[in-house]
Amino acid sequence: MDKSTAAHLAQCQKEAGMLKSESIKTRDAINPEYYKDVLPDLVPGLEFMNLMEHLHSYEEMSGACRIMAFKYMIRSGEKDPAPQEYRKAAWYLNYLADMTERAIMDEYPIRVDD
């Protein structure tokens, strides 16, 4: 890994550590309301990522989360401010970590209560 890539990844990790201190405005930009109720007439409250888990294998979802995190890291500052892009990357990496823990405990896909 070259020095610029290592420095970029170190910055990503630093920014990702700030995820818990983000503002409401930034949080909404990362996980907007329209992803939180994708099929209101059929399954009220069903989030987009929960639906995706039921449609795709763990391996497919794992790859998608890694791809999305990478996308946000490499475009940081191009579309949205860099800290927001790093928080988006961190969101996907955190989701991947939680999903992996559930898969290890044989709780994949996530259960959606009625």
Protein backbone atom coordinates (compact mmCIF):
# COMPACT_ATOMS: atom_id res chain seq x y z
CA MET A 1 0.00 0.00 0.00
CA ASP A 2 1.44 3.36 -0.97
CA LYS A 3 1.70 6.28 1.49
CA SER A 4 -1.19 8.29 0.04
CA THR A 5 -3.56 5.32 0.23
CA ALA A 6 -2.47 4.59 3.80
CA ALA A 7 -2.95 8.24 4.76
CA HIS A 8 -6.39 8.27 3.15
CA LEU A 9 -7.44 5.12 5.01
CA ALA A 10 -6.12 6.56 8.29
CA GLN A 11 -8.24 9.67 7.70
CA CYS A 12 -11.26 7.47 6.97
CA GLN A 13 -10.77 5.63 10.24
CA LYS A 14 -10.44 8.90 12.14
CA GLU A 15 -13.61 10.29 10.57
CA ALA A 16 -15.48 7.02 11.10
CA GLY A 17 -14.72 7.25 14.80
CA MET A 18 -16.71 10.47 14.85
CA LEU A 19 -19.88 8.72 13.66
CA LYS A 20 -21.57 8.85 17.06
CA SER A 21 -21.11 12.61 17.36
CA GLU A 22 -22.74 13.48 14.05
CA SER A 23 -25.52 16.03 13.81
CA ILE A 24 -29.14 15.15 13.07
CA LYS A 25 -28.81 16.82 9.66
CA THR A 26 -25.82 14.65 8.73
CA ARG A 27 -27.44 11.52 10.13
CA ASP A 28 -30.48 12.12 7.92
CA ALA A 29 -28.20 12.52 4.91
CA ILE A 30 -26.61 9.17 5.72
CA ASN A 31 -29.78 7.18 6.40
CA PRO A 32 -32.71 9.25 5.10
CA GLU A 33 -36.31 8.59 6.09
CA TYR A 34 -37.23 7.24 2.65
CA TYR A 35 -35.06 4.17 3.34
CA LYS A 36 -36.87 3.45 6.61
CA ASP A 37 -40.31 2.47 5.30
CA VAL A 38 -39.94 0.96 1.83
CA LEU A 39 -43.16 -1.09 1.69
CA PRO A 40 -45.57 0.75 4.01
CA ASP A 41 -48.69 -0.96 2.64
CA LEU A 42 -47.27 -4.48 3.00
CA VAL A 43 -44.78 -4.31 5.90
CA PRO A 44 -44.93 -0.99 7.77
CA GLY A 45 -41.54 0.10 9.10
CA LEU A 46 -39.54 -2.24 6.86
CA GLU A 47 -36.15 -0.66 6.18
CA PHE A 48 -34.46 -0.94 2.81
CA MET A 49 -31.45 -2.87 4.14
CA ASN A 50 -33.71 -5.35 5.95
CA LEU A 51 -35.54 -6.00 2.69
CA MET A 52 -32.22 -6.45 0.88
CA GLU A 53 -31.14 -9.07 3.44
CA HIS A 54 -34.23 -11.10 2.62
CA LEU A 55 -33.58 -10.86 -1.11
CA HIS A 56 -29.81 -11.51 -1.09
CA SER A 57 -27.40 -13.93 0.52
CA TYR A 58 -24.99 -12.89 3.26
CA GLU A 59 -22.14 -13.03 0.74
CA GLU A 60 -23.95 -10.70 -1.66
CA MET A 61 -24.85 -8.23 1.09
CA SER A 62 -21.32 -8.35 2.50
CA GLY A 63 -19.90 -7.48 -0.90
CA ALA A 64 -22.44 -4.70 -1.42
CA CYS A 65 -21.58 -3.11 1.95
CA ARG A 66 -17.85 -3.22 1.19
CA ILE A 67 -18.40 -1.76 -2.28
CA MET A 68 -20.56 1.08 -0.94
CA ALA A 69 -18.04 1.90 1.82
CA PHE A 70 -15.22 1.96 -0.73
CA LYS A 71 -17.27 4.19 -3.05
CA TYR A 72 -17.83 6.78 -0.34
CA MET A 73 -14.18 6.72 0.73
CA ILE A 74 -12.75 7.27 -2.73
CA ARG A 75 -15.18 10.05 -3.67
CA SER A 76 -14.85 11.89 -0.35
CA GLY A 77 -15.35 15.58 -0.85
CA GLU A 78 -16.36 15.24 -4.51
CA LYS A 79 -20.15 15.10 -4.09
CA ASP A 80 -20.70 15.86 -0.41
CA PRO A 81 -18.31 17.19 2.25
CA ALA A 82 -15.58 14.65 3.10
CA PRO A 83 -16.71 14.10 6.73
CA GLN A 84 -20.21 13.23 5.52
CA GLU A 85 -18.83 10.82 2.92
CA TYR A 86 -16.65 9.14 5.57
CA ARG A 87 -19.69 8.81 7.82
CA LYS A 88 -21.59 7.15 4.97
CA ALA A 89 -18.70 4.71 4.53
CA ALA A 90 -18.68 4.07 8.27
CA TRP A 91 -22.43 3.44 8.22
CA TYR A 92 -21.96 0.62 5.70
CA LEU A 93 -18.98 -0.82 7.58
CA ASN A 94 -20.94 -0.76 10.85
CA TYR A 95 -23.87 -2.43 9.13
CA LEU A 96 -21.49 -5.07 7.76
CA ALA A 97 -20.04 -5.69 11.23
CA ASP A 98 -23.52 -6.08 12.77
CA MET A 99 -24.68 -8.28 9.89
CA THR A 100 -21.57 -10.47 10.23
CA GLU A 101 -22.18 -10.93 13.96
CA ARG A 102 -25.77 -11.95 13.22
CA ALA A 103 -24.60 -14.38 10.53
CA ILE A 104 -22.16 -15.98 12.98
CA MET A 105 -25.05 -16.44 15.44
CA ASP A 106 -27.19 -17.88 12.61
CA GLU A 107 -29.52 -14.86 12.72
CA TYR A 108 -29.18 -13.82 9.08
CA PRO A 109 -31.32 -12.44 7.51
CA ILE A 110 -32.56 -9.98 10.10
CA ARG A 111 -35.96 -10.84 11.50
CA VAL A 112 -38.68 -8.29 10.86
CA ASP A 113 -41.38 -8.43 13.53
CA ASP A 114 -45.01 -8.02 12.53
